[in-house]
Amino acid sequence: MTFSIVTPSFRQPEWLRLCLRSVADQMTSAAGAGDQSGDDAPVIVDHVVQDACSGEAVRGVCAEFPNVRLFQEHDGGMYDAVNRGWRRGTGDICAYLNCDEQYLPGTLTAVEAYFQQHPDVDLLFGDVIVVDATGQYICSRRVLTPLKHHTQVCQLNTFTAAMFFRRRLLEDPTGFFDTKWRNYGDAVWVLKMIERGVKMAVLRQYLSVFTDTGANMNLNEEGRREFDNLRLAAAPWVRALAPLWVAHHRVRRLVHGLYERSPLEYCIYTSAAPKKRACFEVEKSTPIWRDRLAWTR
């Protein structure tokens, strides 16, 4: 299997460099550090950077990575950029990874193995570690396959940083993002996949790191308005039962043991260590994303 990974980019060259390096080392037999990597067999990746005309700095970063194909052109926002990248890709498995996100060691090998072992699964989600701008641990987000009503009226519990799907989903126009959305297009996309009856699964493994930079999308006023619009698109009875969907989701998390606070280690690239993964040990993990409590629903 081959991967088509798209990174939408706009004026974030230093974050982009860390992101690209976390993908590039998946293709070497020496990928990663610690015991996270598992099988280190190299994978084949077509990595497209879809940049909104950020200039020479981004061109310089991409030139450091021979596996990267850079396209610089005006677009209609992040989701339009991702759509353009997916159309240009040829890989069997598609994904997108933002500039401030990284894959953990051995991620693509694990994802490839899962898809090979489960030919009926078209959409795969994994767990995510949230860190601050220096790479320090904030929380762990262990996910569940999304359900329709919870996704409609609560925050989507999965992360695009750890989302992978088979290219055949793009054979239907709904496989691409609806570019009318600027912040919550991923939630709308997941709802479309649920309506299509796409077979989904979770790979119970930390696959990616999401960096809480304080300027992430969804947190601005436009993001809040879009979230409200997403909720209002649900039937009145669905909105009225929002506490039930929240409670049901928390019971699901409890049954799957997702509130356990076990130790963990993760290895990522940071601004202080941009060429070699730095490893962080966490004695007791937590699912609580402080200052982002809506995500714990």
C-alpha atoms as a PDB file:
ATOM      1  CA  MET A   1       0.000   0.000   0.000  1.00  0.00           C
ATOM      2  CA  THR A   2       1.062   3.582  -0.615  1.00  0.00           C
ATOM      3  CA  PHE A   3       0.055   6.765   1.212  1.00  0.00           C
ATOM      4  CA  SER A   4      -1.132  10.126  -0.102  1.00  0.00           C
ATOM      5  CA  ILE A   5      -0.642  12.667   2.660  1.00  0.00           C
ATOM      6  CA  VAL A   6      -1.580  16.310   2.201  1.00  0.00           C
ATOM      7  CA  THR A   7      -0.300  19.169   4.337  1.00  0.00           C
ATOM      8  CA  PRO A   8      -2.118  22.487   3.850  1.00  0.00           C
ATOM      9  CA  SER A   9       0.290  25.333   4.457  1.00  0.00           C
ATOM     10  CA  PHE A  10       0.189  29.080   4.958  1.00  0.00           C
ATOM     11  CA  ARG A  11       3.106  31.049   6.432  1.00  0.00           C
ATOM     12  CA  GLN A  12       4.194  28.431   8.992  1.00  0.00           C
ATOM     13  CA  PRO A  13       7.611  27.321   7.681  1.00  0.00           C
ATOM     14  CA  GLU A  14       9.107  26.317  11.030  1.00  0.00           C
ATOM     15  CA  TRP A  15       6.101  24.219  12.052  1.00  0.00           C
ATOM     16  CA  LEU A  16       6.026  22.792   8.543  1.00  0.00           C
ATOM     17  CA  ARG A  17       9.611  21.578   8.834  1.00  0.00           C
ATOM     18  CA  LEU A  18       8.801  19.524  11.959  1.00  0.00           C
ATOM     19  CA  CYS A  19       5.680  18.095  10.342  1.00  0.00           C
ATOM     20  CA  LEU A  20       7.526  17.048   7.180  1.00  0.00           C
ATOM     21  CA  ARG A  21      10.322  15.449   9.153  1.00  0.00           C
ATOM     22  CA  SER A  22       7.825  13.352  11.122  1.00  0.00           C
ATOM     23  CA  VAL A  23       6.512  11.977   7.830  1.00  0.00           C
ATOM     24  CA  ALA A  24       9.897  11.542   6.161  1.00  0.00           C
ATOM     25  CA  ASP A  25      11.301   9.324   8.899  1.00  0.00           C
ATOM     26  CA  GLN A  26       8.391   6.898   8.461  1.00  0.00           C
ATOM     27  CA  MET A  27      10.051   5.868   5.192  1.00  0.00           C
ATOM     28  CA  THR A  28      13.371   4.818   6.685  1.00  0.00           C
ATOM     29  CA  SER A  29      14.318   1.664   8.541  1.00  0.00           C
ATOM     30  CA  ALA A  30      15.522   3.849  11.412  1.00  0.00           C
ATOM     31  CA  ALA A  31      12.215   5.614  11.993  1.00  0.00           C
ATOM     32  CA  GLY A  32      11.531   6.812  15.474  1.00  0.00           C
ATOM     33  CA  ALA A  33      12.844   6.208  18.933  1.00  0.00           C
ATOM     34  CA  GLY A  34      11.823   4.357  22.041  1.00  0.00           C
ATOM     35  CA  ASP A  35       9.544   1.332  21.843  1.00  0.00           C
ATOM     36  CA  GLN A  36       6.684   3.068  20.006  1.00  0.00           C
ATOM     37  CA  SER A  37       7.803   2.215  16.512  1.00  0.00           C
ATOM     38  CA  GLY A  38       7.094  -1.516  16.409  1.00  0.00           C
ATOM     39  CA  ASP A  39       7.808  -2.802  12.923  1.00  0.00           C
ATOM     40  CA  ASP A  40      10.161  -0.264  11.320  1.00  0.00           C
ATOM     41  CA  ALA A  41       9.703  -1.475   7.722  1.00  0.00           C
ATOM     42  CA  PRO A  42       9.731   1.561   5.399  1.00  0.00           C
ATOM     43  CA  VAL A  43       6.512   2.718   3.775  1.00  0.00           C
ATOM     44  CA  ILE A  44       5.886   4.528   0.494  1.00  0.00           C
ATOM     45  CA  VAL A  45       4.558   8.060   0.847  1.00  0.00           C
ATOM     46  CA  ASP A  46       3.544  10.704  -1.676  1.00  0.00           C
ATOM     47  CA  HIS A  47       3.528  13.835   0.475  1.00  0.00           C
ATOM     48  CA  VAL A  48       1.864  16.876  -1.101  1.00  0.00           C
ATOM     49  CA  VAL A  49       2.293  20.305   0.489  1.00  0.00           C
ATOM     50  CA  GLN A  50      -0.505  22.562  -0.735  1.00  0.00           C
ATOM     51  CA  ASP A  51       0.697  26.050   0.113  1.00  0.00           C
ATOM     52  CA  ALA A  52      -1.297  29.271  -0.245  1.00  0.00           C
ATOM     53  CA  CYS A  53       1.524  31.297  -1.793  1.00  0.00           C
ATOM     54  CA  SER A  54       3.634  31.705   1.350  1.00  0.00           C
ATOM     55  CA  GLY A  55       6.767  32.452  -0.633  1.00  0.00           C
ATOM     56  CA  GLU A  56      10.416  31.460  -0.537  1.00  0.00           C
ATOM     57  CA  ALA A  57      10.563  30.313   3.099  1.00  0.00           C
ATOM     58  CA  VAL A  58       8.171  27.416   2.465  1.00  0.00           C
ATOM     59  CA  ARG A  59       9.954  26.528  -0.778  1.00  0.00           C
ATOM     60  CA  GLY A  60      13.208  26.326   1.159  1.00  0.00           C
ATOM     61  CA  VAL A  61      11.730  24.015   3.785  1.00  0.00           C
ATOM     62  CA  CYS A  62      10.168  21.681   1.232  1.00  0.00           C
ATOM     63  CA  ALA A  63      13.429  21.494  -0.722  1.00  0.00           C
ATOM     64  CA  GLU A  64      14.944  19.682   2.278  1.00  0.00           C
ATOM     65  CA  PHE A  65      12.611  16.703   1.740  1.00  0.00           C
ATOM     66  CA  PRO A  66      12.896  14.810  -1.573  1.00  0.00           C
ATOM     67  CA  ASN A  67       9.609  12.958  -0.975  1.00  0.00           C
ATOM     68  CA  VAL A  68       7.616  16.220  -0.868  1.00  0.00           C
ATOM     69  CA  ARG A  69       5.774  17.703  -3.832  1.00  0.00           C
ATOM     70  CA  LEU A  70       5.069  21.403  -3.302  1.00  0.00           C
ATOM     71  CA  PHE A  71       2.248  23.296  -5.004  1.00  0.00           C
ATOM     72  CA  GLN A  72       1.938  27.005  -4.341  1.00  0.00           C
ATOM     73  CA  GLU A  73      -1.315  28.575  -5.485  1.00  0.00           C
ATOM     74  CA  HIS A  74      -4.233  30.540  -4.143  1.00  0.00           C
ATOM     75  CA  ASP A  75      -6.983  28.428  -2.633  1.00  0.00           C
ATOM     76  CA  GLY A  76     -10.334  28.799  -0.927  1.00  0.00           C
ATOM     77  CA  GLY A  77      -9.138  27.873   2.540  1.00  0.00           C
ATOM     78  CA  MET A  78      -7.712  24.830   4.297  1.00  0.00           C
ATOM     79  CA  TYR A  79     -10.338  22.345   3.131  1.00  0.00           C
ATOM     80  CA  ASP A  80     -10.007  23.460  -0.475  1.00  0.00           C
ATOM     81  CA  ALA A  81      -6.234  23.021  -0.171  1.00  0.00           C
ATOM     82  CA  VAL A  82      -6.662  19.480   1.164  1.00  0.00           C
ATOM     83  CA  ASN A  83      -9.080  18.612  -1.641  1.00  0.00           C
ATOM     84  CA  ARG A  84      -6.548  19.835  -4.212  1.00  0.00           C
ATOM     85  CA  GLY A  85      -3.839  17.729  -2.634  1.00  0.00           C
ATOM     86  CA  TRP A  86      -5.976  14.588  -2.549  1.00  0.00           C
ATOM     87  CA  ARG A  87      -6.820  15.034  -6.221  1.00  0.00           C
ATOM     88  CA  ARG A  88      -3.108  15.232  -6.997  1.00  0.00           C
ATOM     89  CA  GLY A  89      -2.224  12.194  -4.920  1.00  0.00           C
ATOM     90  CA  THR A  90      -2.185   8.606  -6.102  1.00  0.00           C
ATOM     91  CA  GLY A  91      -1.768   6.624  -2.878  1.00  0.00           C
ATOM     92  CA  ASP A  92      -4.049   3.823  -1.701  1.00  0.00           C
ATOM     93  CA  ILE A  93      -4.475   5.412   1.739  1.00  0.00           C
ATOM     94  CA  CYS A  94      -5.257   9.114   2.124  1.00  0.00           C
ATOM     95  CA  ALA A  95      -4.713  11.459   5.050  1.00  0.00           C
ATOM     96  CA  TYR A  96      -3.918  15.050   5.865  1.00  0.00           C
ATOM     97  CA  LEU A  97      -1.585  16.455   8.454  1.00  0.00           C
ATOM     98  CA  ASN A  98      -1.499  20.129   9.383  1.00  0.00           C
ATOM     99  CA  CYS A  99       1.745  22.026   9.851  1.00  0.00           C
ATOM    100  CA  ASP A 100       1.432  21.981  13.651  1.00  0.00           C
ATOM    101  CA  GLU A 101       0.836  18.217  13.783  1.00  0.00           C
ATOM    102  CA  GLN A 102       3.209  15.241  13.624  1.00  0.00           C
ATOM    103  CA  TYR A 103       3.068  11.500  13.175  1.00  0.00           C
ATOM    104  CA  LEU A 104       4.588   9.439  15.951  1.00  0.00           C
ATOM    105  CA  PRO A 105       7.241   6.799  15.130  1.00  0.00           C
ATOM    106  CA  GLY A 106       5.898   3.807  13.247  1.00  0.00           C
ATOM    107  CA  THR A 107       2.466   5.333  12.621  1.00  0.00           C
ATOM    108  CA  LEU A 108       2.224   4.669   8.901  1.00  0.00           C
ATOM    109  CA  THR A 109       3.540   1.116   9.258  1.00  0.00           C
ATOM    110  CA  ALA A 110       0.842   0.393  11.860  1.00  0.00           C
ATOM    111  CA  VAL A 111      -1.878   1.973   9.723  1.00  0.00           C
ATOM    112  CA  GLU A 112      -0.786   0.052   6.631  1.00  0.00           C
ATOM    113  CA  ALA A 113      -0.836  -3.230   8.568  1.00  0.00           C
ATOM    114  CA  TYR A 114      -4.309  -2.520   9.932  1.00  0.00           C
ATOM    115  CA  PHE A 115      -5.790  -1.839   6.513  1.00  0.00           C
ATOM    116  CA  GLN A 116      -4.163  -4.967   5.108  1.00  0.00           C
ATOM    117  CA  GLN A 117      -5.614  -7.059   7.916  1.00  0.00           C
ATOM    118  CA  HIS A 118      -9.090  -5.457   7.720  1.00  0.00           C
ATOM    119  CA  PRO A 119     -10.047  -5.122   4.040  1.00  0.00           C
ATOM    120  CA  ASP A 120     -13.634  -4.189   4.975  1.00  0.00           C
ATOM    121  CA  VAL A 121     -12.572  -1.053   6.889  1.00  0.00           C
ATOM    122  CA  ASP A 122     -12.494   2.151   4.825  1.00  0.00           C
ATOM    123  CA  LEU A 123     -11.974   4.791   7.519  1.00  0.00           C
ATOM    124  CA  LEU A 124      -9.569   4.479  10.444  1.00  0.00           C
ATOM    125  CA  PHE A 125      -9.045   6.712  13.471  1.00  0.00           C
ATOM    126  CA  GLY A 126      -6.247   6.640  16.042  1.00  0.00           C
ATOM    127  CA  ASP A 127      -5.440   8.182  19.397  1.00  0.00           C
ATOM    128  CA  VAL A 128      -3.697  11.550  19.714  1.00  0.00           C
ATOM    129  CA  ILE A 129      -1.395  13.234  22.229  1.00  0.00           C
ATOM    130  CA  VAL A 130      -1.881  16.978  22.728  1.00  0.00           C
ATOM    131  CA  VAL A 131       1.209  19.070  23.514  1.00  0.00           C
ATOM    132  CA  ASP A 132       2.039  22.732  23.892  1.00  0.00           C
ATOM    133  CA  ALA A 133       4.258  24.769  21.581  1.00  0.00           C
ATOM    134  CA  THR A 134       7.424  23.459  23.267  1.00  0.00           C
ATOM    135  CA  GLY A 135       6.341  19.816  23.032  1.00  0.00           C
ATOM    136  CA  GLN A 136       5.345  19.457  26.670  1.00  0.00           C
ATOM    137  CA  TYR A 137       2.448  17.134  27.440  1.00  0.00           C
ATOM    138  CA  ILE A 138      -1.065  18.531  27.902  1.00  0.00           C
ATOM    139  CA  CYS A 139      -3.360  15.528  27.604  1.00  0.00           C
ATOM    140  CA  SER A 140      -4.160  12.311  25.757  1.00  0.00           C
ATOM    141  CA  ARG A 141      -7.200  12.030  23.496  1.00  0.00           C
ATOM    142  CA  ARG A 142      -8.185   8.389  23.057  1.00  0.00           C
ATOM    143  CA  VAL A 143     -11.004   8.260  20.559  1.00  0.00           C
ATOM    144  CA  LEU A 144     -14.061   6.222  19.655  1.00  0.00           C
ATOM    145  CA  THR A 145     -15.741   5.706  16.318  1.00  0.00           C
ATOM    146  CA  PRO A 146     -17.980   8.771  15.949  1.00  0.00           C
ATOM    147  CA  LEU A 147     -21.761   8.527  16.230  1.00  0.00           C
ATOM    148  CA  LYS A 148     -24.162  10.748  14.311  1.00  0.00           C
ATOM    149  CA  HIS A 149     -26.087  12.572  17.034  1.00  0.00           C
ATOM    150  CA  HIS A 150     -23.086  13.128  19.279  1.00  0.00           C
ATOM    151  CA  THR A 151     -21.132  14.569  16.336  1.00  0.00           C
ATOM    152  CA  GLN A 152     -24.050  16.837  15.396  1.00  0.00           C
ATOM    153  CA  VAL A 153     -24.430  18.528  18.779  1.00  0.00           C
ATOM    154  CA  CYS A 154     -21.091  17.979  20.549  1.00  0.00           C
ATOM    155  CA  GLN A 155     -17.452  18.295  19.540  1.00  0.00           C
ATOM    156  CA  LEU A 156     -16.175  15.680  17.112  1.00  0.00           C
ATOM    157  CA  ASN A 157     -14.172  13.290  19.301  1.00  0.00           C
ATOM    158  CA  THR A 158     -11.695  12.273  16.582  1.00  0.00           C
ATOM    159  CA  PHE A 159      -8.738  14.198  15.157  1.00  0.00           C
ATOM    160  CA  THR A 160      -7.866  14.563  11.488  1.00  0.00           C
ATOM    161  CA  ALA A 161      -4.204  14.231  12.512  1.00  0.00           C
ATOM    162  CA  ALA A 162      -4.906  10.538  13.136  1.00  0.00           C
ATOM    163  CA  MET A 163      -7.484   9.856  10.417  1.00  0.00           C
ATOM    164  CA  PHE A 164      -6.788   7.626   7.403  1.00  0.00           C
ATOM    165  CA  PHE A 165      -9.074   6.317   4.669  1.00  0.00           C
ATOM    166  CA  ARG A 166      -8.957   4.293   1.475  1.00  0.00           C
ATOM    167  CA  ARG A 167      -8.824   6.294  -1.744  1.00  0.00           C
ATOM    168  CA  ARG A 168     -11.989   4.609  -2.979  1.00  0.00           C
ATOM    169  CA  LEU A 169     -13.984   6.937  -0.710  1.00  0.00           C
ATOM    170  CA  LEU A 170     -13.013   9.744  -3.108  1.00  0.00           C
ATOM    171  CA  GLU A 171     -14.831   8.017  -5.970  1.00  0.00           C
ATOM    172  CA  ASP A 172     -17.983   9.636  -4.557  1.00  0.00           C
ATOM    173  CA  PRO A 173     -18.026  13.493  -4.529  1.00  0.00           C
ATOM    174  CA  THR A 174     -18.903  13.424  -0.821  1.00  0.00           C
ATOM    175  CA  GLY A 175     -15.424  11.997  -0.222  1.00  0.00           C
ATOM    176  CA  PHE A 176     -14.054  15.524  -0.557  1.00  0.00           C
ATOM    177  CA  PHE A 177     -14.514  18.316   1.969  1.00  0.00           C
ATOM    178  CA  ASP A 178     -17.360  20.795   1.604  1.00  0.00           C
ATOM    179  CA  THR A 179     -15.398  24.029   1.143  1.00  0.00           C
ATOM    180  CA  LYS A 180     -18.265  26.200   2.371  1.00  0.00           C
ATOM    181  CA  TRP A 181     -17.017  25.337   5.854  1.00  0.00           C
ATOM    182  CA  ARG A 182     -13.848  27.016   7.106  1.00  0.00           C
ATOM    183  CA  ASN A 183     -13.401  25.411  10.532  1.00  0.00           C
ATOM    184  CA  TYR A 184     -15.785  22.463  10.979  1.00  0.00           C
ATOM    185  CA  GLY A 185     -15.505  20.841   7.572  1.00  0.00           C
ATOM    186  CA  ASP A 186     -14.018  17.727   9.180  1.00  0.00           C
ATOM    187  CA  ALA A 187     -17.112  17.197  11.358  1.00  0.00           C
ATOM    188  CA  VAL A 188     -19.372  17.696   8.329  1.00  0.00           C
ATOM    189  CA  TRP A 189     -17.215  15.208   6.398  1.00  0.00           C
ATOM    190  CA  VAL A 190     -17.466  12.584   9.138  1.00  0.00           C
ATOM    191  CA  LEU A 191     -21.240  12.997   9.233  1.00  0.00           C
ATOM    192  CA  LYS A 192     -21.342  12.357   5.489  1.00  0.00           C
ATOM    193  CA  MET A 193     -19.309   9.177   5.964  1.00  0.00           C
ATOM    194  CA  ILE A 194     -21.713   8.021   8.685  1.00  0.00           C
ATOM    195  CA  GLU A 195     -24.670   8.668   6.365  1.00  0.00           C
ATOM    196  CA  ARG A 196     -22.920   6.727   3.592  1.00  0.00           C
ATOM    197  CA  GLY A 197     -22.546   3.749   5.926  1.00  0.00           C
ATOM    198  CA  VAL A 198     -18.757   3.754   5.630  1.00  0.00           C
ATOM    199  CA  LYS A 199     -17.128   1.036   7.731  1.00  0.00           C
ATOM    200  CA  MET A 200     -15.096   2.767  10.459  1.00  0.00           C
ATOM    201  CA  ALA A 201     -12.689   1.502  13.100  1.00  0.00           C
ATOM    202  CA  VAL A 202     -10.236   2.695  15.742  1.00  0.00           C
ATOM    203  CA  LEU A 203      -6.614   1.625  15.943  1.00  0.00           C
ATOM    204  CA  ARG A 204      -5.994   1.749  19.686  1.00  0.00           C
ATOM    205  CA  GLN A 205      -2.574   3.349  19.444  1.00  0.00           C
ATOM    206  CA  TYR A 206      -1.205   6.869  19.714  1.00  0.00           C
ATOM    207  CA  LEU A 207      -0.568   7.807  16.096  1.00  0.00           C
ATOM    208  CA  SER A 208      -0.120  11.576  16.113  1.00  0.00           C
ATOM    209  CA  VAL A 209       0.660  14.661  18.124  1.00  0.00           C
ATOM    210  CA  PHE A 210      -1.511  17.768  17.956  1.00  0.00           C
ATOM    211  CA  THR A 211       0.128  21.024  19.040  1.00  0.00           C
ATOM    212  CA  ASP A 212      -2.060  23.444  20.957  1.00  0.00           C
ATOM    213  CA  THR A 213      -0.454  26.660  19.760  1.00  0.00           C
ATOM    214  CA  GLY A 214      -3.226  28.871  21.136  1.00  0.00           C
ATOM    215  CA  ALA A 215      -4.083  29.956  17.594  1.00  0.00           C
ATOM    216  CA  ASN A 216      -5.629  26.739  16.318  1.00  0.00           C
ATOM    217  CA  MET A 217      -8.678  26.871  14.082  1.00  0.00           C
ATOM    218  CA  ASN A 218     -12.102  26.234  15.674  1.00  0.00           C
ATOM    219  CA  LEU A 219     -11.193  28.506  18.590  1.00  0.00           C
ATOM    220  CA  ASN A 220     -11.945  31.851  16.913  1.00  0.00           C
ATOM    221  CA  GLU A 221     -15.291  33.596  16.585  1.00  0.00           C
ATOM    222  CA  GLU A 222     -15.865  32.171  13.112  1.00  0.00           C
ATOM    223  CA  GLY A 223     -15.262  28.693  14.492  1.00  0.00           C
ATOM    224  CA  ARG A 224     -17.805  29.213  17.250  1.00  0.00           C
ATOM    225  CA  ARG A 225     -20.373  30.448  14.729  1.00  0.00           C
ATOM    226  CA  GLU A 226     -19.792  27.411  12.540  1.00  0.00           C
ATOM    227  CA  PHE A 227     -20.176  25.099  15.518  1.00  0.00           C
ATOM    228  CA  ASP A 228     -23.500  26.754  16.315  1.00  0.00           C
ATOM    229  CA  ASN A 229     -24.579  26.341  12.680  1.00  0.00           C
ATOM    230  CA  LEU A 230     -23.648  22.667  12.787  1.00  0.00           C
ATOM    231  CA  ARG A 231     -25.775  22.160  15.892  1.00  0.00           C
ATOM    232  CA  LEU A 232     -28.703  24.072  14.387  1.00  0.00           C
ATOM    233  CA  ALA A 233     -28.632  21.785  11.345  1.00  0.00           C
ATOM    234  CA  ALA A 234     -29.608  18.879  13.600  1.00  0.00           C
ATOM    235  CA  ALA A 235     -33.255  18.111  14.257  1.00  0.00           C
ATOM    236  CA  PRO A 236     -34.757  19.938  17.267  1.00  0.00           C
ATOM    237  CA  TRP A 237     -35.224  16.666  19.154  1.00  0.00           C
ATOM    238  CA  VAL A 238     -31.549  15.816  18.624  1.00  0.00           C
ATOM    239  CA  ARG A 239     -30.508  19.172  20.085  1.00  0.00           C
ATOM    240  CA  ALA A 240     -32.934  18.768  22.988  1.00  0.00           C
ATOM    241  CA  LEU A 241     -31.336  15.440  23.905  1.00  0.00           C
ATOM    242  CA  ALA A 242     -27.766  16.799  23.865  1.00  0.00           C
ATOM    243  CA  PRO A 243     -27.152  15.838  27.531  1.00  0.00           C
ATOM    244  CA  LEU A 244     -28.089  12.264  26.640  1.00  0.00           C
ATOM    245  CA  TRP A 245     -25.569  12.091  23.790  1.00  0.00           C
ATOM    246  CA  VAL A 246     -22.882  13.490  26.104  1.00  0.00           C
ATOM    247  CA  ALA A 247     -23.709  10.953  28.827  1.00  0.00           C
ATOM    248  CA  HIS A 248     -23.790   8.103  26.316  1.00  0.00           C
ATOM    249  CA  HIS A 249     -20.403   9.114  24.958  1.00  0.00           C
ATOM    250  CA  ARG A 250     -18.901   9.205  28.448  1.00  0.00           C
ATOM    251  CA  VAL A 251     -20.296   5.756  29.230  1.00  0.00           C
ATOM    252  CA  ARG A 252     -18.739   4.459  26.002  1.00  0.00           C
ATOM    253  CA  ARG A 253     -15.403   5.949  27.042  1.00  0.00           C
ATOM    254  CA  LEU A 254     -15.706   4.350  30.484  1.00  0.00           C
ATOM    255  CA  VAL A 255     -16.578   0.924  29.058  1.00  0.00           C
ATOM    256  CA  HIS A 256     -13.567   1.090  26.708  1.00  0.00           C
ATOM    257  CA  GLY A 257     -11.240   2.064  29.565  1.00  0.00           C
ATOM    258  CA  LEU A 258     -10.396   5.450  28.084  1.00  0.00           C
ATOM    259  CA  TYR A 259     -10.288   7.225  31.427  1.00  0.00           C
ATOM    260  CA  GLU A 260      -7.350   5.174  32.685  1.00  0.00           C
ATOM    261  CA  ARG A 261      -4.347   7.336  33.587  1.00  0.00           C
ATOM    262  CA  SER A 262      -1.428   5.157  32.592  1.00  0.00           C
ATOM    263  CA  PRO A 263       2.175   6.300  31.984  1.00  0.00           C
ATOM    264  CA  LEU A 264       3.326   6.922  28.430  1.00  0.00           C
ATOM    265  CA  GLU A 265       6.265   8.102  26.359  1.00  0.00           C
ATOM    266  CA  TYR A 266       6.206  10.018  23.095  1.00  0.00           C
ATOM    267  CA  CYS A 267       8.981  11.170  20.777  1.00  0.00           C
ATOM    268  CA  ILE A 268       8.568  14.213  18.540  1.00  0.00           C
ATOM    269  CA  TYR A 269      10.467  16.955  16.758  1.00  0.00           C
ATOM    270  CA  THR A 270      10.508  20.313  18.525  1.00  0.00           C
ATOM    271  CA  SER A 271      11.821  23.789  17.785  1.00  0.00           C
ATOM    272  CA  ALA A 272      14.630  23.022  20.258  1.00  0.00           C
ATOM    273  CA  ALA A 273      15.366  19.641  18.593  1.00  0.00           C
ATOM    274  CA  PRO A 274      14.289  19.997  14.938  1.00  0.00           C
ATOM    275  CA  LYS A 275      16.514  17.225  13.525  1.00  0.00           C
ATOM    276  CA  LYS A 276      16.143  14.440  16.084  1.00  0.00           C
ATOM    277  CA  ARG A 277      13.074  13.325  17.962  1.00  0.00           C
ATOM    278  CA  ALA A 278      13.038  14.387  21.598  1.00  0.00           C
ATOM    279  CA  CYS A 279      11.348  11.923  23.957  1.00  0.00           C
ATOM    280  CA  PHE A 280       9.014  12.929  26.763  1.00  0.00           C
ATOM    281  CA  GLU A 281       7.934  10.661  29.605  1.00  0.00           C
ATOM    282  CA  VAL A 282       4.553  11.126  31.284  1.00  0.00           C
ATOM    283  CA  GLU A 283       4.065   9.414  34.642  1.00  0.00           C
ATOM    284  CA  LYS A 284       0.300   9.718  34.667  1.00  0.00           C
ATOM    285  CA  SER A 285      -1.655  10.590  31.528  1.00  0.00           C
ATOM    286  CA  THR A 286      -4.906  12.549  31.603  1.00  0.00           C
ATOM    287  CA  PRO A 287      -7.855  12.850  29.213  1.00  0.00           C
ATOM    288  CA  ILE A 288      -8.617  16.369  30.425  1.00  0.00           C
ATOM    289  CA  TRP A 289      -7.680  19.129  27.998  1.00  0.00           C
ATOM    290  CA  ARG A 290      -7.659  22.076  30.349  1.00  0.00           C
ATOM    291  CA  ASP A 291      -9.046  25.281  28.823  1.00  0.00           C
ATOM    292  CA  ARG A 292     -10.664  23.072  26.149  1.00  0.00           C
ATOM    293  CA  LEU A 293     -13.180  21.239  28.336  1.00  0.00           C
ATOM    294  CA  ALA A 294     -15.718  20.956  25.500  1.00  0.00           C
ATOM    295  CA  TRP A 295     -13.401  18.403  23.888  1.00  0.00           C
ATOM    296  CA  THR A 296     -13.851  16.047  26.859  1.00  0.00           C
ATOM    297  CA  ARG A 297     -17.488  15.374  25.982  1.00  0.00           C
END
